[in-house]
Amino acid sequence: MVTVFVLAVAGTLIAKSRVPPAESTGAVTSSADLRIKEANIEEETGGVRWKLKAEQALIFDAEGRTSLRAIAVDVFERDRSWTIVGEEGDLFQATKNLEIRKNVVLTSSDGMRLETSVLRWQGAEKRLWTDAPVRLSRGGAVADGSALEVRMAEEYTTMAGRVHSVFTDARQ
């Protein structure tokens, strides 16, 4: 009887060790140092003021990165402003560089709209860019390209790749 019991336990243990572990469908735990709901960050530098709002912020001190969810950024200059929204992104604390991903839409106070899947800001260079397909529209003009770079200090914009543009009369 004891031998049968030992064989049954040994057989069960061997069978369980060969079955891959099941993935948890519960809440994902995060190794973030700090979790913030409804995060708001504001800063002003060189005549430009910006406000960042996020539904959730996870701060990773060792990486110097803040992971953001449901992002809205408002940027204000003297004579113009922009709003950028996206589903997720990262703010890099030392450089203040920002990457926004998934359904990114930028709208400007002069009616320009930019749509892409990822948009990056490099603060030191004052460079806004993406290497993902992008659509720019304003009034009756629409331009599609495979990448975009905006140099704010030099005031120029470059759309790369096979660019396709359509111009219609916006008054119709």
N, C-alpha and C. Protein backbone atom coordinates (compact mmCIF):
# COMPACT_ATOMS: atom_id res chain seq x y z
N MET A 1 0.82 -1.19 0.00
CA MET A 1 0.00 0.00 0.00
C MET A 1 0.87 1.26 0.00
N VAL A 2 1.93 1.24 0.82
CA VAL A 2 2.83 2.38 0.89
C VAL A 2 3.53 2.57 -0.46
N THR A 3 3.92 1.52 -1.10
CA THR A 3 4.59 1.59 -2.39
C THR A 3 3.67 2.21 -3.44
N VAL A 4 2.42 1.82 -3.46
CA VAL A 4 1.45 2.37 -4.42
C VAL A 4 1.29 3.87 -4.17
N PHE A 5 1.20 4.28 -2.92
CA PHE A 5 1.05 5.71 -2.58
C PHE A 5 2.27 6.50 -3.04
N VAL A 6 3.49 6.00 -2.78
CA VAL A 6 4.72 6.69 -3.18
C VAL A 6 4.79 6.80 -4.70
N LEU A 7 4.43 5.75 -5.42
CA LEU A 7 4.44 5.79 -6.89
C LEU A 7 3.41 6.80 -7.42
N ALA A 8 2.25 6.88 -6.79
CA ALA A 8 1.21 7.82 -7.22
C ALA A 8 1.68 9.26 -7.00
N VAL A 9 2.28 9.56 -5.87
CA VAL A 9 2.79 10.90 -5.58
C VAL A 9 3.92 11.24 -6.54
N ALA A 10 4.85 10.32 -6.75
CA ALA A 10 5.97 10.55 -7.66
C ALA A 10 5.46 10.78 -9.08
N GLY A 11 4.50 10.00 -9.53
CA GLY A 11 3.92 10.16 -10.87
C GLY A 11 3.25 11.52 -11.02
N THR A 12 2.54 11.96 -10.01
CA THR A 12 1.87 13.27 -10.04
C THR A 12 2.90 14.39 -10.11
N LEU A 13 3.96 14.30 -9.32
CA LEU A 13 4.99 15.33 -9.33
C LEU A 13 5.71 15.41 -10.68
N ILE A 14 6.00 14.28 -11.26
CA ILE A 14 6.66 14.26 -12.56
C ILE A 14 5.74 14.84 -13.63
N ALA A 15 4.47 14.47 -13.61
CA ALA A 15 3.52 14.99 -14.60
C ALA A 15 3.36 16.50 -14.47
N LYS A 16 3.28 17.01 -13.25
CA LYS A 16 3.12 18.46 -13.04
C LYS A 16 4.36 19.23 -13.48
N SER A 17 5.56 18.63 -13.31
CA SER A 17 6.78 19.34 -13.68
C SER A 17 6.91 19.45 -15.20
N ARG A 18 6.24 18.60 -15.96
CA ARG A 18 6.33 18.64 -17.42
C ARG A 18 5.28 19.54 -18.06
N VAL A 19 4.28 19.96 -17.32
CA VAL A 19 3.23 20.84 -17.85
C VAL A 19 3.73 22.28 -17.74
N PRO A 20 3.68 23.06 -18.83
CA PRO A 20 4.13 24.45 -18.75
C PRO A 20 3.23 25.24 -17.80
N PRO A 21 3.82 26.20 -17.07
CA PRO A 21 3.02 26.98 -16.13
C PRO A 21 2.00 27.84 -16.89
N ALA A 22 0.82 27.95 -16.31
CA ALA A 22 -0.25 28.76 -16.91
C ALA A 22 0.03 30.23 -16.67
N GLU A 23 -0.29 31.07 -17.68
CA GLU A 23 -0.10 32.51 -17.53
C GLU A 23 -1.25 33.08 -16.73
N SER A 24 -0.93 34.01 -15.88
CA SER A 24 -1.94 34.66 -15.06
C SER A 24 -2.75 35.63 -15.90
N THR A 25 -4.04 35.66 -15.68
CA THR A 25 -4.88 36.64 -16.38
C THR A 25 -5.25 37.78 -15.45
N GLY A 26 -4.68 37.77 -14.27
CA GLY A 26 -4.97 38.83 -13.29
C GLY A 26 -4.21 40.11 -13.60
N ALA A 27 -4.22 41.03 -12.67
CA ALA A 27 -3.56 42.32 -12.84
C ALA A 27 -2.05 42.14 -12.97
N VAL A 28 -1.45 42.91 -13.84
CA VAL A 28 -0.01 42.85 -14.04
C VAL A 28 0.68 43.69 -12.98
N THR A 29 1.64 43.12 -12.31
CA THR A 29 2.37 43.89 -11.32
C THR A 29 3.48 44.64 -12.02
N SER A 30 3.80 45.79 -11.51
CA SER A 30 4.79 46.64 -12.15
C SER A 30 5.96 46.82 -11.21
N SER A 31 7.14 46.94 -11.79
CA SER A 31 8.33 47.19 -10.99
C SER A 31 8.60 48.68 -10.87
N ALA A 32 7.60 49.49 -11.14
CA ALA A 32 7.75 50.95 -11.07
C ALA A 32 8.04 51.37 -9.63
N ASP A 33 8.86 52.42 -9.51
CA ASP A 33 9.17 52.95 -8.18
C ASP A 33 8.01 53.77 -7.62
N LEU A 34 7.23 54.34 -8.53
CA LEU A 34 6.10 55.18 -8.10
C LEU A 34 5.02 55.12 -9.14
N ARG A 35 3.76 55.01 -8.72
CA ARG A 35 2.59 55.01 -9.61
C ARG A 35 1.78 56.26 -9.30
N ILE A 36 1.39 56.98 -10.34
CA ILE A 36 0.59 58.19 -10.15
C ILE A 36 -0.62 58.11 -11.06
N LYS A 37 -1.80 58.34 -10.50
CA LYS A 37 -3.01 58.46 -11.31
C LYS A 37 -3.24 59.93 -11.56
N GLU A 38 -3.71 60.25 -12.76
CA GLU A 38 -3.99 61.64 -13.14
C GLU A 38 -2.76 62.54 -12.93
N ALA A 39 -1.69 62.26 -13.66
CA ALA A 39 -0.45 63.02 -13.56
C ALA A 39 -0.56 64.32 -14.35
N ASN A 40 -0.02 65.41 -13.80
CA ASN A 40 0.04 66.72 -14.46
C ASN A 40 1.45 67.28 -14.29
N ILE A 41 2.08 67.63 -15.42
CA ILE A 41 3.42 68.22 -15.39
C ILE A 41 3.37 69.51 -16.19
N GLU A 42 3.92 70.58 -15.66
CA GLU A 42 3.99 71.86 -16.37
C GLU A 42 5.39 72.40 -16.30
N GLU A 43 5.81 73.04 -17.40
CA GLU A 43 7.15 73.63 -17.43
C GLU A 43 7.16 74.79 -18.41
N GLU A 44 8.03 75.76 -18.15
CA GLU A 44 8.22 76.88 -19.07
C GLU A 44 9.71 77.07 -19.28
N THR A 45 10.10 77.09 -20.58
CA THR A 45 11.50 77.30 -20.93
C THR A 45 11.57 78.13 -22.21
N GLY A 46 12.37 79.14 -22.17
CA GLY A 46 12.63 79.94 -23.37
C GLY A 46 11.40 80.46 -24.07
N GLY A 47 10.41 80.93 -23.33
CA GLY A 47 9.20 81.48 -23.93
C GLY A 47 8.19 80.45 -24.38
N VAL A 48 8.46 79.17 -24.13
CA VAL A 48 7.52 78.10 -24.49
C VAL A 48 7.05 77.44 -23.20
N ARG A 49 5.74 77.34 -23.07
CA ARG A 49 5.14 76.70 -21.90
C ARG A 49 4.44 75.44 -22.37
N TRP A 50 4.63 74.35 -21.65
CA TRP A 50 3.95 73.12 -21.99
C TRP A 50 3.36 72.46 -20.76
N LYS A 51 2.23 71.77 -20.98
CA LYS A 51 1.54 71.03 -19.93
C LYS A 51 1.31 69.62 -20.43
N LEU A 52 1.66 68.66 -19.61
CA LEU A 52 1.44 67.26 -19.95
C LEU A 52 0.47 66.67 -18.93
N LYS A 53 -0.57 66.02 -19.43
CA LYS A 53 -1.52 65.32 -18.56
C LYS A 53 -1.54 63.87 -19.00
N ALA A 54 -1.60 62.97 -18.03
CA ALA A 54 -1.67 61.53 -18.33
C ALA A 54 -2.60 60.87 -17.33
N GLU A 55 -3.34 59.89 -17.82
CA GLU A 55 -4.25 59.14 -16.95
C GLU A 55 -3.46 58.37 -15.90
N GLN A 56 -2.27 57.89 -16.28
CA GLN A 56 -1.42 57.14 -15.35
C GLN A 56 0.04 57.37 -15.70
N ALA A 57 0.87 57.48 -14.67
CA ALA A 57 2.32 57.61 -14.84
C ALA A 57 3.01 56.59 -13.95
N LEU A 58 3.92 55.83 -14.54
CA LEU A 58 4.73 54.87 -13.79
C LEU A 58 6.17 55.37 -13.86
N ILE A 59 6.76 55.68 -12.71
CA ILE A 59 8.10 56.25 -12.68
C ILE A 59 9.12 55.15 -12.37
N PHE A 60 10.11 55.03 -13.26
CA PHE A 60 11.19 54.06 -13.11
C PHE A 60 12.48 54.86 -12.89
N ASP A 61 12.85 55.07 -11.64
CA ASP A 61 14.01 55.90 -11.30
C ASP A 61 15.31 55.38 -11.89
N ALA A 62 15.55 54.08 -11.82
CA ALA A 62 16.81 53.52 -12.31
C ALA A 62 17.00 53.77 -13.81
N GLU A 63 15.89 53.77 -14.56
CA GLU A 63 15.95 54.00 -16.00
C GLU A 63 15.87 55.49 -16.35
N GLY A 64 15.46 56.31 -15.37
CA GLY A 64 15.27 57.73 -15.64
C GLY A 64 14.12 57.97 -16.60
N ARG A 65 13.09 57.13 -16.50
CA ARG A 65 11.98 57.15 -17.45
C ARG A 65 10.66 57.11 -16.72
N THR A 66 9.69 57.84 -17.27
CA THR A 66 8.32 57.78 -16.79
C THR A 66 7.45 57.26 -17.91
N SER A 67 6.78 56.14 -17.66
CA SER A 67 5.88 55.54 -18.64
C SER A 67 4.50 56.17 -18.44
N LEU A 68 3.88 56.61 -19.54
CA LEU A 68 2.62 57.34 -19.47
C LEU A 68 1.53 56.61 -20.23
N ARG A 69 0.29 56.78 -19.76
CA ARG A 69 -0.87 56.21 -20.46
C ARG A 69 -1.93 57.29 -20.63
N ALA A 70 -2.60 57.31 -21.77
CA ALA A 70 -3.64 58.30 -22.11
C ALA A 70 -3.08 59.71 -21.93
N ILE A 71 -2.25 60.13 -22.90
CA ILE A 71 -1.47 61.36 -22.80
C ILE A 71 -2.12 62.50 -23.57
N ALA A 72 -2.05 63.70 -23.00
CA ALA A 72 -2.42 64.93 -23.71
C ALA A 72 -1.37 65.97 -23.35
N VAL A 73 -0.75 66.57 -24.38
CA VAL A 73 0.27 67.59 -24.17
C VAL A 73 -0.20 68.87 -24.86
N ASP A 74 -0.18 69.97 -24.12
CA ASP A 74 -0.49 71.29 -24.68
C ASP A 74 0.78 72.11 -24.67
N VAL A 75 1.13 72.69 -25.84
CA VAL A 75 2.33 73.51 -25.98
C VAL A 75 1.88 74.91 -26.40
N PHE A 76 2.39 75.93 -25.68
CA PHE A 76 2.01 77.31 -25.96
C PHE A 76 3.23 78.16 -26.25
N GLU A 77 3.22 78.85 -27.38
CA GLU A 77 4.21 79.86 -27.72
C GLU A 77 3.48 81.19 -27.77
N ARG A 78 4.21 82.26 -28.07
CA ARG A 78 3.59 83.58 -28.12
C ARG A 78 2.38 83.64 -29.04
N ASP A 79 2.55 83.20 -30.29
CA ASP A 79 1.50 83.38 -31.28
C ASP A 79 0.89 82.08 -31.81
N ARG A 80 1.22 80.95 -31.21
CA ARG A 80 0.66 79.69 -31.67
C ARG A 80 0.66 78.66 -30.55
N SER A 81 -0.14 77.61 -30.75
CA SER A 81 -0.22 76.54 -29.75
C SER A 81 -0.51 75.22 -30.45
N TRP A 82 -0.20 74.12 -29.76
CA TRP A 82 -0.41 72.78 -30.27
C TRP A 82 -0.97 71.90 -29.17
N THR A 83 -1.73 70.91 -29.56
CA THR A 83 -2.19 69.86 -28.66
C THR A 83 -1.82 68.53 -29.28
N ILE A 84 -1.24 67.65 -28.48
CA ILE A 84 -0.84 66.33 -28.93
C ILE A 84 -1.49 65.31 -28.01
N VAL A 85 -2.15 64.30 -28.58
CA VAL A 85 -2.75 63.24 -27.78
C VAL A 85 -2.26 61.89 -28.31
N GLY A 86 -2.21 60.91 -27.41
CA GLY A 86 -1.81 59.55 -27.77
C GLY A 86 -2.16 58.61 -26.65
N GLU A 87 -2.10 57.32 -26.93
CA GLU A 87 -2.50 56.32 -25.95
C GLU A 87 -1.43 56.01 -24.91
N GLU A 88 -0.15 56.06 -25.30
CA GLU A 88 0.91 55.73 -24.35
C GLU A 88 2.19 56.42 -24.77
N GLY A 89 3.18 56.40 -23.87
CA GLY A 89 4.46 57.01 -24.21
C GLY A 89 5.43 56.98 -23.05
N ASP A 90 6.57 57.64 -23.28
CA ASP A 90 7.63 57.70 -22.27
C ASP A 90 8.18 59.12 -22.20
N LEU A 91 8.41 59.59 -20.99
CA LEU A 91 9.08 60.87 -20.74
C LEU A 91 10.41 60.52 -20.08
N PHE A 92 11.50 61.01 -20.67
CA PHE A 92 12.83 60.73 -20.15
C PHE A 92 13.24 61.90 -19.28
N GLN A 93 13.44 61.64 -17.98
CA GLN A 93 13.56 62.68 -16.98
C GLN A 93 14.76 63.60 -17.18
N ALA A 94 15.92 63.09 -17.48
CA ALA A 94 17.13 63.92 -17.58
C ALA A 94 17.07 64.89 -18.76
N THR A 95 16.56 64.41 -19.89
CA THR A 95 16.58 65.21 -21.12
C THR A 95 15.26 65.91 -21.41
N LYS A 96 14.19 65.48 -20.76
CA LYS A 96 12.82 65.93 -21.04
C LYS A 96 12.38 65.53 -22.45
N ASN A 97 13.06 64.55 -23.04
CA ASN A 97 12.63 64.02 -24.32
C ASN A 97 11.36 63.23 -24.10
N LEU A 98 10.51 63.22 -25.12
CA LEU A 98 9.20 62.59 -24.99
C LEU A 98 8.92 61.76 -26.24
N GLU A 99 8.34 60.59 -26.03
CA GLU A 99 7.87 59.75 -27.14
C GLU A 99 6.42 59.40 -26.86
N ILE A 100 5.55 59.67 -27.83
CA ILE A 100 4.12 59.35 -27.70
C ILE A 100 3.80 58.33 -28.78
N ARG A 101 3.06 57.27 -28.39
CA ARG A 101 2.76 56.18 -29.32
C ARG A 101 1.26 55.88 -29.35
N LYS A 102 0.85 55.22 -30.41
CA LYS A 102 -0.50 54.70 -30.65
C LYS A 102 -1.53 55.83 -30.83
N ASN A 103 -2.04 55.91 -32.03
CA ASN A 103 -3.09 56.88 -32.39
C ASN A 103 -2.71 58.30 -31.98
N VAL A 104 -1.56 58.75 -32.44
CA VAL A 104 -1.05 60.07 -32.09
C VAL A 104 -1.65 61.10 -33.04
N VAL A 105 -2.22 62.17 -32.46
CA VAL A 105 -2.80 63.25 -33.25
C VAL A 105 -2.30 64.57 -32.67
N LEU A 106 -1.71 65.40 -33.53
CA LEU A 106 -1.27 66.73 -33.16
C LEU A 106 -2.15 67.72 -33.92
N THR A 107 -2.71 68.69 -33.21
CA THR A 107 -3.47 69.76 -33.85
C THR A 107 -2.87 71.09 -33.43
N SER A 108 -2.83 72.02 -34.38
CA SER A 108 -2.26 73.33 -34.07
C SER A 108 -3.34 74.39 -34.11
N SER A 109 -3.04 75.53 -33.51
CA SER A 109 -4.01 76.61 -33.45
C SER A 109 -4.33 77.19 -34.82
N ASP A 110 -3.47 76.95 -35.82
CA ASP A 110 -3.74 77.45 -37.18
C ASP A 110 -4.45 76.43 -38.06
N GLY A 111 -4.94 75.33 -37.47
CA GLY A 111 -5.75 74.36 -38.21
C GLY A 111 -5.01 73.19 -38.80
N MET A 112 -3.71 73.08 -38.57
CA MET A 112 -2.94 71.95 -39.09
C MET A 112 -3.17 70.73 -38.20
N ARG A 113 -3.26 69.55 -38.83
CA ARG A 113 -3.46 68.29 -38.10
C ARG A 113 -2.43 67.29 -38.60
N LEU A 114 -1.77 66.60 -37.66
CA LEU A 114 -0.78 65.58 -37.97
C LEU A 114 -1.26 64.29 -37.32
N GLU A 115 -1.22 63.18 -38.07
CA GLU A 115 -1.62 61.87 -37.55
C GLU A 115 -0.50 60.87 -37.83
N THR A 116 -0.13 60.09 -36.81
CA THR A 116 0.91 59.08 -36.95
C THR A 116 0.77 58.06 -35.82
N SER A 117 1.63 57.04 -35.83
CA SER A 117 1.59 56.04 -34.76
C SER A 117 2.63 56.30 -33.67
N VAL A 118 3.63 57.12 -33.97
CA VAL A 118 4.64 57.46 -32.97
C VAL A 118 5.19 58.86 -33.29
N LEU A 119 5.37 59.66 -32.25
CA LEU A 119 5.90 61.01 -32.41
C LEU A 119 6.89 61.25 -31.28
N ARG A 120 8.07 61.77 -31.64
CA ARG A 120 9.13 61.97 -30.64
C ARG A 120 9.52 63.45 -30.58
N TRP A 121 9.89 63.89 -29.37
CA TRP A 121 10.38 65.25 -29.15
C TRP A 121 11.75 65.16 -28.51
N GLN A 122 12.75 65.83 -29.10
CA GLN A 122 14.08 65.93 -28.52
C GLN A 122 14.26 67.38 -28.10
N GLY A 123 14.26 67.62 -26.79
CA GLY A 123 14.28 68.97 -26.26
C GLY A 123 15.52 69.77 -26.59
N ALA A 124 16.71 69.20 -26.47
CA ALA A 124 17.96 69.93 -26.70
C ALA A 124 18.05 70.43 -28.14
N GLU A 125 17.57 69.63 -29.08
CA GLU A 125 17.64 70.00 -30.50
C GLU A 125 16.38 70.72 -30.97
N LYS A 126 15.38 70.79 -30.12
CA LYS A 126 14.07 71.33 -30.51
C LYS A 126 13.60 70.66 -31.79
N ARG A 127 13.59 69.33 -31.74
CA ARG A 127 13.29 68.50 -32.91
C ARG A 127 12.07 67.63 -32.62
N LEU A 128 11.07 67.69 -33.47
CA LEU A 128 9.89 66.84 -33.43
C LEU A 128 9.99 65.92 -34.64
N TRP A 129 9.88 64.60 -34.45
CA TRP A 129 10.08 63.71 -35.57
C TRP A 129 9.38 62.37 -35.40
N THR A 130 9.20 61.70 -36.54
CA THR A 130 8.69 60.34 -36.56
C THR A 130 9.29 59.63 -37.76
N ASP A 131 9.52 58.33 -37.60
CA ASP A 131 9.96 57.51 -38.72
C ASP A 131 8.84 56.55 -39.13
N ALA A 132 7.63 56.85 -38.67
CA ALA A 132 6.44 56.07 -39.00
C ALA A 132 5.62 56.84 -40.06
N PRO A 133 4.76 56.14 -40.80
CA PRO A 133 3.91 56.85 -41.75
C PRO A 133 3.16 58.00 -41.08
N VAL A 134 3.02 59.10 -41.82
CA VAL A 134 2.45 60.31 -41.26
C VAL A 134 1.50 60.96 -42.26
N ARG A 135 0.48 61.62 -41.74
CA ARG A 135 -0.46 62.38 -42.56
C ARG A 135 -0.57 63.79 -42.00
N LEU A 136 -0.36 64.77 -42.85
CA LEU A 136 -0.53 66.18 -42.51
C LEU A 136 -1.73 66.71 -43.28
N SER A 137 -2.59 67.46 -42.61
CA SER A 137 -3.72 68.05 -43.31
C SER A 137 -3.99 69.44 -42.74
N ARG A 138 -4.49 70.29 -43.65
CA ARG A 138 -4.86 71.65 -43.26
C ARG A 138 -5.71 72.22 -44.40
N GLY A 139 -6.86 72.71 -44.04
CA GLY A 139 -7.75 73.23 -45.06
C GLY A 139 -8.06 72.14 -46.07
N GLY A 140 -7.81 72.40 -47.34
CA GLY A 140 -8.07 71.43 -48.39
C GLY A 140 -6.85 70.64 -48.80
N ALA A 141 -5.76 70.71 -48.05
CA ALA A 141 -4.53 70.01 -48.42
C ALA A 141 -4.28 68.83 -47.49
N VAL A 142 -3.89 67.70 -48.10
CA VAL A 142 -3.53 66.50 -47.34
C VAL A 142 -2.23 65.95 -47.93
N ALA A 143 -1.25 65.67 -47.07
CA ALA A 143 0.02 65.10 -47.51
C ALA A 143 0.33 63.86 -46.67
N ASP A 144 0.64 62.77 -47.36
CA ASP A 144 1.01 61.52 -46.70
C ASP A 144 2.47 61.22 -47.02
N GLY A 145 3.23 60.78 -46.00
CA GLY A 145 4.62 60.42 -46.19
C GLY A 145 5.00 59.30 -45.25
N SER A 146 6.27 58.86 -45.35
CA SER A 146 6.71 57.74 -44.50
C SER A 146 7.52 58.20 -43.30
N ALA A 147 7.84 59.49 -43.21
CA ALA A 147 8.56 60.03 -42.05
C ALA A 147 8.42 61.55 -42.06
N LEU A 148 8.70 62.16 -40.91
CA LEU A 148 8.59 63.61 -40.78
C LEU A 148 9.61 64.11 -39.78
N GLU A 149 10.19 65.26 -40.07
CA GLU A 149 11.10 65.91 -39.13
C GLU A 149 10.79 67.40 -39.11
N VAL A 150 10.63 67.95 -37.91
CA VAL A 150 10.39 69.37 -37.74
C VAL A 150 11.50 69.92 -36.84
N ARG A 151 12.24 70.89 -37.34
CA ARG A 151 13.27 71.58 -36.55
C ARG A 151 12.70 72.93 -36.17
N MET A 152 12.30 73.06 -34.90
CA MET A 152 11.61 74.26 -34.44
C MET A 152 12.52 75.49 -34.50
N ALA A 153 13.76 75.38 -34.08
CA ALA A 153 14.66 76.54 -34.04
C ALA A 153 14.94 77.07 -35.44
N GLU A 154 15.11 76.17 -36.39
CA GLU A 154 15.39 76.58 -37.77
C GLU A 154 14.12 76.86 -38.56
N GLU A 155 12.96 76.52 -37.99
CA GLU A 155 11.65 76.70 -38.61
C GLU A 155 11.54 76.03 -39.97
N TYR A 156 11.89 74.72 -40.01
CA TYR A 156 11.66 73.99 -41.24
C TYR A 156 11.10 72.60 -40.94
N THR A 157 10.37 72.07 -41.93
CA THR A 157 9.74 70.77 -41.83
C THR A 157 10.10 69.96 -43.07
N THR A 158 10.44 68.68 -42.87
CA THR A 158 10.76 67.79 -43.98
C THR A 158 9.90 66.54 -43.86
N MET A 159 9.18 66.22 -44.94
CA MET A 159 8.44 64.97 -45.00
C MET A 159 9.22 64.06 -45.95
N ALA A 160 9.46 62.83 -45.54
CA ALA A 160 10.32 61.92 -46.31
C ALA A 160 9.53 60.77 -46.91
N GLY A 161 10.22 60.02 -47.74
CA GLY A 161 9.65 58.83 -48.36
C GLY A 161 8.85 59.21 -49.60
N ARG A 162 7.99 58.32 -50.01
CA ARG A 162 7.10 58.58 -51.14
C ARG A 162 5.98 59.47 -50.64
N VAL A 163 6.07 60.73 -50.92
CA VAL A 163 5.09 61.70 -50.44
C VAL A 163 3.97 61.81 -51.47
N HIS A 164 2.75 61.74 -50.98
CA HIS A 164 1.57 61.89 -51.83
C HIS A 164 0.74 63.04 -51.28
N SER A 165 0.47 64.03 -52.11
CA SER A 165 -0.27 65.21 -51.65
C SER A 165 -1.49 65.43 -52.53
N VAL A 166 -2.57 65.89 -51.90
CA VAL A 166 -3.80 66.23 -52.60
C VAL A 166 -4.21 67.62 -52.12
N PHE A 167 -4.48 68.50 -53.10
CA PHE A 167 -4.91 69.86 -52.78
C PHE A 167 -6.29 70.07 -53.39
N THR A 168 -7.26 70.43 -52.56
CA THR A 168 -8.59 70.75 -53.03
C THR A 168 -8.97 72.13 -52.53
N ASP A 169 -9.98 72.69 -53.14
CA ASP A 169 -10.45 74.00 -52.71
C ASP A 169 -11.23 73.82 -51.41
N ALA A 170 -10.73 74.35 -50.31
CA ALA A 170 -11.34 74.18 -49.00
C ALA A 170 -12.68 74.91 -48.89
N ARG A 171 -12.98 75.81 -49.81
CA ARG A 171 -14.23 76.59 -49.73
C ARG A 171 -15.42 75.79 -50.26
N GLN A 172 -15.18 74.68 -50.93
CA GLN A 172 -16.30 73.90 -51.49
C GLN A 172 -16.99 73.09 -50.45
